[in-house]
PDB file of N, CA and C in Angstrom:
ATOM      1  N   MET A   1      51.225 -35.227 -45.382  1.00  0.00           N
ATOM      2  CA  MET A   1      49.965 -34.502 -45.715  1.00  0.00           C
ATOM      3  C   MET A   1      49.565 -34.676 -43.982  1.00  0.00           C
ATOM      4  N   THR A   2      48.351 -33.425 -44.891  1.00  0.00           N
ATOM      5  CA  THR A   2      47.519 -32.015 -44.612  1.00  0.00           C
ATOM      6  C   THR A   2      46.552 -32.535 -43.158  1.00  0.00           C
ATOM      7  N   ARG A   3      46.430 -32.081 -41.857  1.00  0.00           N
ATOM      8  CA  ARG A   3      45.411 -32.843 -41.132  1.00  0.00           C
ATOM      9  C   ARG A   3      44.589 -31.566 -41.459  1.00  0.00           C
ATOM     10  N   PHE A   4      43.689 -31.462 -40.957  1.00  0.00           N
ATOM     11  CA  PHE A   4      42.181 -30.078 -40.501  1.00  0.00           C
ATOM     12  C   PHE A   4      41.743 -30.564 -40.152  1.00  0.00           C
ATOM     13  N   ILE A   5      42.076 -29.407 -38.860  1.00  0.00           N
ATOM     14  CA  ILE A   5      40.698 -29.421 -37.539  1.00  0.00           C
ATOM     15  C   ILE A   5      40.011 -27.662 -37.593  1.00  0.00           C
ATOM     16  N   LYS A   6      38.973 -28.910 -37.078  1.00  0.00           N
ATOM     17  CA  LYS A   6      37.685 -27.819 -37.229  1.00  0.00           C
ATOM     18  C   LYS A   6      38.449 -27.299 -36.115  1.00  0.00           C
ATOM     19  N   GLY A   7      38.009 -25.710 -36.050  1.00  0.00           N
ATOM     20  CA  GLY A   7      38.822 -24.256 -34.509  1.00  0.00           C
ATOM     21  C   GLY A   7      39.852 -24.209 -35.278  1.00  0.00           C
ATOM     22  N   ASP A   8      40.785 -25.120 -36.453  1.00  0.00           N
ATOM     23  CA  ASP A   8      42.203 -23.997 -36.519  1.00  0.00           C
ATOM     24  C   ASP A   8      41.954 -23.161 -37.105  1.00  0.00           C
ATOM     25  N   ALA A   9      41.282 -22.266 -37.357  1.00  0.00           N
ATOM     26  CA  ALA A   9      41.666 -20.221 -38.255  1.00  0.00           C
ATOM     27  C   ALA A   9      42.605 -20.325 -39.044  1.00  0.00           C
ATOM     28  N   ASP A  10      43.571 -20.401 -38.417  1.00  0.00           N
ATOM     29  CA  ASP A  10      45.243 -20.163 -39.184  1.00  0.00           C
ATOM     30  C   ASP A  10      45.771 -20.969 -39.675  1.00  0.00           C
ATOM     31  N   GLY A  11      44.895 -22.302 -39.855  1.00  0.00           N
ATOM     32  CA  GLY A  11      45.806 -23.650 -40.696  1.00  0.00           C
ATOM     33  C   GLY A  11      47.307 -24.273 -40.418  1.00  0.00           C
ATOM     34  N   ASP A  12      47.589 -23.997 -38.726  1.00  0.00           N
ATOM     35  CA  ASP A  12      48.494 -23.747 -38.224  1.00  0.00           C
ATOM     36  C   ASP A  12      48.970 -25.596 -37.136  1.00  0.00           C
ATOM     37  N   GLY A  13      47.859 -26.073 -37.727  1.00  0.00           N
ATOM     38  CA  GLY A  13      47.786 -27.969 -37.256  1.00  0.00           C
ATOM     39  C   GLY A  13      47.749 -27.859 -36.146  1.00  0.00           C
ATOM     40  N   ASP A  14      46.593 -26.657 -34.579  1.00  0.00           N
ATOM     41  CA  ASP A  14      46.933 -26.865 -33.526  1.00  0.00           C
ATOM     42  C   ASP A  14      45.446 -25.927 -33.370  1.00  0.00           C
ATOM     43  N   VAL A  15      44.325 -25.864 -32.375  1.00  0.00           N
ATOM     44  CA  VAL A  15      43.183 -25.103 -32.052  1.00  0.00           C
ATOM     45  C   VAL A  15      44.034 -24.499 -30.578  1.00  0.00           C
ATOM     46  N   ASN A  16      44.216 -23.350 -31.011  1.00  0.00           N
ATOM     47  CA  ASN A  16      44.721 -22.974 -29.736  1.00  0.00           C
ATOM     48  C   ASN A  16      44.142 -21.103 -29.750  1.00  0.00           C
ATOM     49  N   ILE A  17      44.719 -19.682 -29.167  1.00  0.00           N
ATOM     50  CA  ILE A  17      44.036 -18.941 -29.349  1.00  0.00           C
ATOM     51  C   ILE A  17      44.674 -18.147 -29.468  1.00  0.00           C
ATOM     52  N   ILE A  18      45.041 -18.361 -30.811  1.00  0.00           N
ATOM     53  CA  ILE A  18      45.266 -17.387 -31.919  1.00  0.00           C
ATOM     54  C   ILE A  18      43.929 -17.119 -32.425  1.00  0.00           C
ATOM     55  N   ASP A  19      44.229 -19.152 -33.023  1.00  0.00           N
ATOM     56  CA  ASP A  19      42.613 -19.213 -33.592  1.00  0.00           C
ATOM     57  C   ASP A  19      41.071 -18.129 -33.670  1.00  0.00           C
ATOM     58  N   ALA A  20      41.572 -18.700 -32.072  1.00  0.00           N
ATOM     59  CA  ALA A  20      40.671 -16.712 -31.417  1.00  0.00           C
ATOM     60  C   ALA A  20      40.459 -15.998 -31.554  1.00  0.00           C
ATOM     61  N   THR A  21      42.181 -15.307 -31.814  1.00  0.00           N
ATOM     62  CA  THR A  21      42.280 -13.907 -32.598  1.00  0.00           C
ATOM     63  C   THR A  21      42.264 -14.098 -33.607  1.00  0.00           C
ATOM     64  N   CYS A  22      42.277 -14.950 -34.457  1.00  0.00           N
ATOM     65  CA  CYS A  22      42.311 -14.614 -35.766  1.00  0.00           C
ATOM     66  C   CYS A  22      40.649 -14.707 -36.355  1.00  0.00           C
ATOM     67  N   VAL A  23      40.197 -15.100 -35.404  1.00  0.00           N
ATOM     68  CA  VAL A  23      38.316 -15.389 -35.814  1.00  0.00           C
ATOM     69  C   VAL A  23      37.814 -13.839 -35.662  1.00  0.00           C
ATOM     70  N   GLN A  24      38.438 -13.159 -34.564  1.00  0.00           N
ATOM     71  CA  GLN A  24      38.436 -11.984 -34.240  1.00  0.00           C
ATOM     72  C   GLN A  24      38.394 -10.711 -34.463  1.00  0.00           C
ATOM     73  N   ARG A  25      40.127 -11.501 -35.486  1.00  0.00           N
ATOM     74  CA  ARG A  25      40.025 -10.926 -35.996  1.00  0.00           C
ATOM     75  C   ARG A  25      39.266 -10.114 -37.824  1.00  0.00           C
ATOM     76  N   HIS A  26      39.450 -11.647 -38.518  1.00  0.00           N
ATOM     77  CA  HIS A  26      37.980 -11.863 -39.305  1.00  0.00           C
ATOM     78  C   HIS A  26      37.415 -11.016 -39.375  1.00  0.00           C
ATOM     79  N   GLU A  27      36.297 -11.085 -38.213  1.00  0.00           N
ATOM     80  CA  GLU A  27      34.965 -10.223 -37.460  1.00  0.00           C
ATOM     81  C   GLU A  27      34.909  -9.145 -38.101  1.00  0.00           C
ATOM     82  N   ALA A  28      35.928  -8.596 -37.198  1.00  0.00           N
ATOM     83  CA  ALA A  28      36.180  -6.760 -37.451  1.00  0.00           C
ATOM     84  C   ALA A  28      37.005  -6.446 -38.526  1.00  0.00           C
ATOM     85  N   GLY A  29      37.267  -6.619 -39.652  1.00  0.00           N
ATOM     86  CA  GLY A  29      37.772  -7.010 -40.932  1.00  0.00           C
ATOM     87  C   GLY A  29      39.388  -6.594 -40.847  1.00  0.00           C
ATOM     88  N   ILE A  30      39.769  -6.800 -40.270  1.00  0.00           N
ATOM     89  CA  ILE A  30      41.376  -7.105 -40.397  1.00  0.00           C
ATOM     90  C   ILE A  30      42.265  -8.497 -40.775  1.00  0.00           C
ATOM     91  N   ALA A  31      42.416  -7.996 -41.283  1.00  0.00           N
ATOM     92  CA  ALA A  31      42.985  -8.552 -42.575  1.00  0.00           C
ATOM     93  C   ALA A  31      44.283  -9.778 -42.379  1.00  0.00           C
ATOM     94  N   THR A  32      44.375 -11.216 -41.841  1.00  0.00           N
ATOM     95  CA  THR A  32      45.438 -12.097 -41.315  1.00  0.00           C
ATOM     96  C   THR A  32      45.807 -12.933 -43.197  1.00  0.00           C
ATOM     97  N   THR A  33      46.921 -13.145 -42.235  1.00  0.00           N
ATOM     98  CA  THR A  33      48.184 -13.786 -43.107  1.00  0.00           C
ATOM     99  C   THR A  33      47.714 -14.938 -43.405  1.00  0.00           C
ATOM    100  N   SER A  34      46.576 -15.616 -42.680  1.00  0.00           N
ATOM    101  CA  SER A  34      46.067 -17.449 -43.167  1.00  0.00           C
ATOM    102  C   SER A  34      44.845 -17.072 -42.325  1.00  0.00           C
ATOM    103  N   PHE A  35      44.439 -17.802 -43.541  1.00  0.00           N
ATOM    104  CA  PHE A  35      42.248 -17.760 -42.850  1.00  0.00           C
ATOM    105  C   PHE A  35      41.273 -19.353 -43.509  1.00  0.00           C
ATOM    106  N   PHE A  36      41.590 -19.858 -42.036  1.00  0.00           N
ATOM    107  CA  PHE A  36      40.642 -21.070 -43.237  1.00  0.00           C
ATOM    108  C   PHE A  36      38.791 -21.589 -42.840  1.00  0.00           C
ATOM    109  N   GLN A  37      37.817 -20.333 -43.549  1.00  0.00           N
ATOM    110  CA  GLN A  37      36.671 -19.456 -43.283  1.00  0.00           C
ATOM    111  C   GLN A  37      36.608 -20.547 -42.423  1.00  0.00           C
ATOM    112  N   PRO A  38      36.380 -22.617 -43.689  1.00  0.00           N
ATOM    113  CA  PRO A  38      35.758 -23.696 -43.243  1.00  0.00           C
ATOM    114  C   PRO A  38      35.901 -24.560 -42.356  1.00  0.00           C
ATOM    115  N   LEU A  39      37.097 -23.841 -41.528  1.00  0.00           N
ATOM    116  CA  LEU A  39      37.963 -24.512 -40.523  1.00  0.00           C
ATOM    117  C   LEU A  39      36.979 -23.332 -38.825  1.00  0.00           C
ATOM    118  N   ALA A  40      37.372 -22.369 -39.173  1.00  0.00           N
ATOM    119  CA  ALA A  40      36.740 -21.591 -38.065  1.00  0.00           C
ATOM    120  C   ALA A  40      35.124 -21.353 -37.920  1.00  0.00           C
ATOM    121  N   ASP A  41      34.517 -21.781 -38.326  1.00  0.00           N
ATOM    122  CA  ASP A  41      32.787 -22.478 -38.664  1.00  0.00           C
ATOM    123  C   ASP A  41      32.597 -23.058 -37.869  1.00  0.00           C
ATOM    124  N   VAL A  42      33.408 -22.729 -36.034  1.00  0.00           N
ATOM    125  CA  VAL A  42      32.968 -24.795 -34.876  1.00  0.00           C
ATOM    126  C   VAL A  42      32.121 -24.299 -34.667  1.00  0.00           C
ATOM    127  N   ASP A  43      30.973 -24.158 -35.066  1.00  0.00           N
ATOM    128  CA  ASP A  43      29.849 -24.147 -34.585  1.00  0.00           C
ATOM    129  C   ASP A  43      28.534 -24.978 -35.899  1.00  0.00           C
ATOM    130  N   GLY A  44      29.072 -24.132 -36.777  1.00  0.00           N
ATOM    131  CA  GLY A  44      28.818 -25.166 -38.286  1.00  0.00           C
ATOM    132  C   GLY A  44      27.652 -24.672 -38.843  1.00  0.00           C
ATOM    133  N   ASP A  45      27.305 -23.218 -38.151  1.00  0.00           N
ATOM    134  CA  ASP A  45      26.379 -22.483 -38.542  1.00  0.00           C
ATOM    135  C   ASP A  45      26.636 -20.987 -40.042  1.00  0.00           C
ATOM    136  N   SER A  46      26.812 -22.103 -40.863  1.00  0.00           N
ATOM    137  CA  SER A  46      27.907 -21.110 -41.955  1.00  0.00           C
ATOM    138  C   SER A  46      27.930 -19.725 -41.453  1.00  0.00           C
ATOM    139  N   GLU A  47      28.374 -19.724 -40.678  1.00  0.00           N
ATOM    140  CA  GLU A  47      29.188 -17.793 -40.404  1.00  0.00           C
ATOM    141  C   GLU A  47      29.919 -17.876 -39.484  1.00  0.00           C
ATOM    142  N   VAL A  48      30.842 -16.866 -39.760  1.00  0.00           N
ATOM    143  CA  VAL A  48      31.985 -17.468 -38.947  1.00  0.00           C
ATOM    144  C   VAL A  48      32.110 -15.940 -37.993  1.00  0.00           C
ATOM    145  N   ASN A  49      31.999 -16.559 -36.402  1.00  0.00           N
ATOM    146  CA  ASN A  49      31.106 -15.011 -36.274  1.00  0.00           C
ATOM    147  C   ASN A  49      32.022 -14.642 -34.747  1.00  0.00           C
ATOM    148  N   VAL A  50      32.010 -14.098 -32.994  1.00  0.00           N
ATOM    149  CA  VAL A  50      32.291 -13.913 -32.258  1.00  0.00           C
ATOM    150  C   VAL A  50      31.961 -15.086 -31.297  1.00  0.00           C
ATOM    151  N   ILE A  51      30.761 -15.720 -31.872  1.00  0.00           N
ATOM    152  CA  ILE A  51      30.509 -16.674 -31.596  1.00  0.00           C
ATOM    153  C   ILE A  51      31.308 -18.406 -31.724  1.00  0.00           C
ATOM    154  N   ASP A  52      31.657 -17.931 -32.926  1.00  0.00           N
ATOM    155  CA  ASP A  52      32.888 -19.612 -33.181  1.00  0.00           C
ATOM    156  C   ASP A  52      34.534 -18.960 -32.128  1.00  0.00           C
ATOM    157  N   ALA A  53      34.823 -17.150 -31.985  1.00  0.00           N
ATOM    158  CA  ALA A  53      36.310 -17.180 -31.246  1.00  0.00           C
ATOM    159  C   ALA A  53      35.647 -17.795 -29.756  1.00  0.00           C
ATOM    160  N   THR A  54      34.284 -17.537 -29.166  1.00  0.00           N
ATOM    161  CA  THR A  54      33.944 -17.844 -27.614  1.00  0.00           C
ATOM    162  C   THR A  54      34.517 -19.637 -27.593  1.00  0.00           C
ATOM    163  N   LEU A  55      33.732 -19.669 -28.202  1.00  0.00           N
ATOM    164  CA  LEU A  55      34.059 -21.022 -28.619  1.00  0.00           C
ATOM    165  C   LEU A  55      35.131 -22.084 -28.705  1.00  0.00           C
ATOM    166  N   ILE A  56      35.997 -21.419 -29.144  1.00  0.00           N
ATOM    167  CA  ILE A  56      37.153 -22.015 -29.595  1.00  0.00           C
ATOM    168  C   ILE A  56      38.387 -21.398 -27.854  1.00  0.00           C
ATOM    169  N   GLN A  57      37.733 -20.616 -27.661  1.00  0.00           N
ATOM    170  CA  GLN A  57      38.524 -20.025 -25.793  1.00  0.00           C
ATOM    171  C   GLN A  57      37.793 -21.099 -25.601  1.00  0.00           C
ATOM    172  N   ARG A  58      36.482 -20.805 -24.705  1.00  0.00           N
ATOM    173  CA  ARG A  58      36.317 -21.988 -24.122  1.00  0.00           C
ATOM    174  C   ARG A  58      36.501 -23.527 -24.176  1.00  0.00           C
ATOM    175  N   SER A  59      36.667 -24.187 -25.158  1.00  0.00           N
ATOM    176  CA  SER A  59      37.377 -25.376 -25.073  1.00  0.00           C
ATOM    177  C   SER A  59      38.710 -25.589 -25.354  1.00  0.00           C
ATOM    178  N   LYS A  60      39.715 -24.602 -25.071  1.00  0.00           N
ATOM    179  CA  LYS A  60      40.949 -24.310 -24.470  1.00  0.00           C
ATOM    180  C   LYS A  60      40.914 -24.378 -23.012  1.00  0.00           C
ATOM    181  N   VAL A  61      39.228 -24.014 -22.574  1.00  0.00           N
ATOM    182  CA  VAL A  61      39.510 -24.042 -20.797  1.00  0.00           C
ATOM    183  C   VAL A  61      39.102 -25.288 -19.916  1.00  0.00           C
ATOM    184  N   GLY A  62      38.284 -26.442 -21.757  1.00  0.00           N
ATOM    185  CA  GLY A  62      37.590 -27.110 -21.148  1.00  0.00           C
ATOM    186  C   GLY A  62      36.372 -27.151 -21.024  1.00  0.00           C
ATOM    187  N   LEU A  63      35.668 -26.347 -21.246  1.00  0.00           N
ATOM    188  CA  LEU A  63      34.010 -26.217 -21.233  1.00  0.00           C
ATOM    189  C   LEU A  63      33.112 -25.878 -22.031  1.00  0.00           C
ATOM    190  N   TYR A  64      33.564 -26.881 -23.613  1.00  0.00           N
ATOM    191  CA  TYR A  64      33.197 -27.117 -24.326  1.00  0.00           C
ATOM    192  C   TYR A  64      34.005 -27.931 -25.727  1.00  0.00           C
ATOM    193  N   THR A  65      33.775 -29.235 -26.170  1.00  0.00           N
ATOM    194  CA  THR A  65      34.347 -29.829 -27.336  1.00  0.00           C
ATOM    195  C   THR A  65      34.439 -30.077 -28.596  1.00  0.00           C
ATOM    196  N   ILE A  66      34.895 -28.754 -29.609  1.00  0.00           N
ATOM    197  CA  ILE A  66      34.647 -28.925 -30.755  1.00  0.00           C
ATOM    198  C   ILE A  66      35.181 -30.101 -31.217  1.00  0.00           C
ATOM    199  N   GLU A  67      33.638 -30.207 -32.357  1.00  0.00           N
ATOM    200  CA  GLU A  67      34.061 -31.929 -33.047  1.00  0.00           C
ATOM    201  C   GLU A  67      33.166 -31.495 -34.172  1.00  0.00           C
TER     202      GLU A  67
END
């Protein structure tokens, strides 16, 4: 069974700084080996951008809760 976690942009089953980097690479137009756009849209605005990367980073230090 596959578990989907909001913020898990690379689909490895964990939300971490690599996901923020994946979002940043997507925003810059740099290809990534795997990218799950619906999971990367942390703020739910239907766009994946640097704001989503920032929210992932903030969640890792306890300043934001991804819901």
